[in-house]
Amino acid sequence: MPNPDVYSGRISNIKCEGEVIPGAQSIDFKIIKNRRNVNAIGIHERLGIDYGEMYVTGTVRVQSAYLKFDQLYGQEKSFQLVLELKKGGAFEEALGTIAFDECVIESKNFSIDVNGTGISEYGFTATRIRQKMGDTEVNFGEIPRRGT
């Protein structure tokens, strides 16, 4: 069994419209796909599943602040985020990317404490997410075709 790839947060990059976000500390996201059970009268078991909308929510944490996000928040303009995942070691090998399309900044939180620096947390949503790891690509926004 091959060893799993371990992503290094220290050398991976978060980019906004192709520009590395200076002072980026972390990113987290969640894919939400609404679903509903399909039932029939007189049967207690579900017959199938009906899928509805799918969207992505996430947070990017940046040391102090990121002016571009502040401007985008005020303009309510969409943009693309790309997370470049890298493996540590002598060559800092690129393992893949996760692209967030048609993002919109929805919130900003700021915190600072006596022992550290200021951190801005930017909440975002995205229309779709695409992941590429080596030769494998996954588009989480695609609806799978049945029977093909």
Protein backbone atom coordinates (compact mmCIF):
# COMPACT_ATOMS: atom_id res chain seq x y z
CA MET A 1 0.00 0.00 0.00
CA PRO A 2 1.53 3.37 -0.99
CA ASN A 3 2.19 6.04 1.61
CA PRO A 4 -0.45 8.79 1.72
CA ASP A 5 0.51 12.26 0.58
CA VAL A 6 0.82 14.70 3.47
CA TYR A 7 0.14 18.33 2.58
CA SER A 8 2.37 20.96 4.17
CA GLY A 9 0.52 24.09 5.25
CA ARG A 10 3.83 25.91 5.61
CA ILE A 11 4.68 25.74 1.90
CA SER A 12 1.21 25.44 0.30
CA ASN A 13 -0.27 28.63 -1.18
CA ILE A 14 -3.67 30.29 -1.18
CA LYS A 15 -4.19 32.51 -4.24
CA CYS A 16 -6.83 35.10 -5.07
CA GLU A 17 -7.12 35.76 -8.83
CA GLY A 18 -3.63 34.24 -9.30
CA GLU A 19 -1.94 36.35 -6.58
CA VAL A 20 -0.54 34.63 -3.47
CA ILE A 21 -2.32 36.03 -0.42
CA PRO A 22 0.39 37.51 1.83
CA GLY A 23 0.13 36.48 5.46
CA ALA A 24 -2.40 33.71 4.79
CA GLN A 25 -2.63 31.50 7.87
CA SER A 26 -5.30 28.96 7.02
CA ILE A 27 -8.31 28.04 4.91
CA ASP A 28 -11.18 25.74 5.71
CA PHE A 29 -14.26 24.89 3.69
CA LYS A 30 -17.37 22.76 3.68
CA ILE A 31 -19.30 21.43 0.69
CA ILE A 32 -23.04 21.43 1.33
CA LYS A 33 -25.37 19.42 -0.88
CA ASN A 34 -29.03 19.56 0.03
CA ARG A 35 -30.79 16.23 -0.35
CA ARG A 36 -34.25 14.88 0.29
CA ASN A 37 -35.56 11.35 0.63
CA VAL A 38 -38.09 10.25 -1.99
CA ASN A 39 -40.90 8.20 -0.44
CA ALA A 40 -44.14 6.63 -1.61
CA ILE A 41 -47.48 6.27 0.14
CA GLY A 42 -47.78 2.97 1.97
CA ILE A 43 -44.04 2.16 1.91
CA HIS A 44 -41.80 2.86 4.87
CA GLU A 45 -38.54 2.57 2.94
CA ARG A 46 -37.23 5.37 0.82
CA LEU A 47 -37.35 4.85 -2.94
CA GLY A 48 -34.47 7.16 -3.73
CA ILE A 49 -32.77 10.45 -3.06
CA ASP A 50 -33.45 13.83 -4.68
CA TYR A 51 -30.49 16.21 -4.68
CA GLY A 52 -30.97 19.96 -4.66
CA GLU A 53 -28.56 22.85 -4.58
CA MET A 54 -24.87 22.46 -3.82
CA TYR A 55 -22.66 25.24 -2.55
CA VAL A 56 -19.42 25.80 -0.70
CA THR A 57 -18.80 27.88 2.42
CA GLY A 58 -15.38 28.62 3.86
CA THR A 59 -13.06 30.87 5.81
CA VAL A 60 -9.65 32.29 4.95
CA ARG A 61 -7.58 33.55 7.89
CA VAL A 62 -4.99 36.22 7.15
CA GLN A 63 -2.43 37.84 9.43
CA SER A 64 -3.55 41.45 10.00
CA ALA A 65 -5.72 41.98 6.86
CA TYR A 66 -5.89 41.47 3.09
CA LEU A 67 -6.87 44.69 1.32
CA LYS A 68 -8.08 42.91 -1.83
CA PHE A 69 -10.66 40.93 0.19
CA ASP A 70 -11.75 44.15 1.92
CA GLN A 71 -12.29 45.79 -1.48
CA LEU A 72 -14.10 42.75 -2.92
CA TYR A 73 -16.38 42.66 0.13
CA GLY A 74 -17.38 46.26 -0.43
CA GLN A 75 -17.97 45.75 -4.17
CA GLU A 76 -19.81 42.42 -3.84
CA LYS A 77 -17.73 41.21 -6.81
CA SER A 78 -16.97 37.52 -7.45
CA PHE A 79 -13.45 36.10 -7.77
CA GLN A 80 -11.56 32.79 -7.84
CA LEU A 81 -9.57 31.26 -4.99
CA VAL A 82 -7.03 28.50 -5.64
CA LEU A 83 -5.37 26.41 -2.95
CA GLU A 84 -2.06 24.93 -4.16
CA LEU A 85 -1.25 21.87 -2.07
CA LYS A 86 2.42 21.01 -1.70
CA LYS A 87 4.41 18.27 -0.04
CA GLY A 88 7.33 19.22 2.19
CA GLY A 89 10.84 17.98 1.75
CA ALA A 90 13.85 18.85 -0.38
CA PHE A 91 11.84 19.63 -3.53
CA GLU A 92 8.57 21.08 -2.15
CA GLU A 93 6.63 18.89 -4.57
CA ALA A 94 3.27 20.20 -5.86
CA LEU A 95 0.56 17.60 -5.23
CA GLY A 96 -2.55 19.29 -6.55
CA THR A 97 -4.95 22.19 -6.50
CA ILE A 98 -8.40 22.98 -5.18
CA ALA A 99 -10.14 25.79 -7.10
CA PHE A 100 -13.13 27.69 -5.74
CA ASP A 101 -15.11 29.37 -8.55
CA GLU A 102 -17.31 32.46 -8.35
CA CYS A 103 -16.45 33.26 -4.74
CA VAL A 104 -18.06 36.10 -2.82
CA ILE A 105 -16.84 37.51 0.51
CA GLU A 106 -19.76 37.36 2.92
CA SER A 107 -18.23 38.35 6.25
CA LYS A 108 -15.13 39.65 7.98
CA ASN A 109 -14.10 39.12 11.60
CA PHE A 110 -11.00 40.60 13.21
CA SER A 111 -9.30 39.55 16.43
CA ILE A 112 -6.11 40.47 18.23
CA ASP A 113 -4.71 39.42 21.58
CA VAL A 114 -1.82 40.54 23.77
CA ASN A 115 0.36 37.59 22.79
CA GLY A 116 0.00 37.67 19.01
CA THR A 117 -0.83 39.63 15.91
CA GLY A 118 -4.16 40.62 14.43
CA ILE A 119 -6.01 37.97 12.44
CA SER A 120 -8.73 38.73 9.90
CA GLU A 121 -11.18 35.94 9.11
CA TYR A 122 -12.93 36.29 5.77
CA GLY A 123 -16.03 34.16 5.27
CA PHE A 124 -16.76 33.23 1.66
CA THR A 125 -19.13 31.17 -0.46
CA ALA A 126 -18.37 29.60 -3.83
CA THR A 127 -20.58 28.34 -6.65
CA ARG A 128 -18.44 25.27 -7.31
CA ILE A 129 -15.25 23.56 -6.28
CA ARG A 130 -12.83 21.67 -8.52
CA GLN A 131 -10.05 19.46 -7.22
CA LYS A 132 -7.07 18.14 -9.18
CA MET A 133 -4.66 15.67 -7.63
CA GLY A 134 -2.14 14.32 -10.14
CA ASP A 135 -4.11 12.99 -13.11
CA THR A 136 -7.40 12.84 -11.20
CA GLU A 137 -9.90 15.69 -11.47
CA VAL A 138 -13.14 16.03 -9.53
CA ASN A 139 -15.73 18.73 -10.18
CA PHE A 140 -17.98 18.77 -7.12
CA GLY A 141 -20.58 20.86 -8.98
CA GLU A 142 -21.29 18.27 -11.69
CA ILE A 143 -24.40 16.17 -11.54
CA PRO A 144 -23.55 12.51 -12.24
CA ARG A 145 -25.41 10.97 -15.18
CA ARG A 146 -27.31 7.82 -14.36
CA GLY A 147 -26.94 4.70 -16.45
CA THR A 148 -23.84 5.81 -18.43
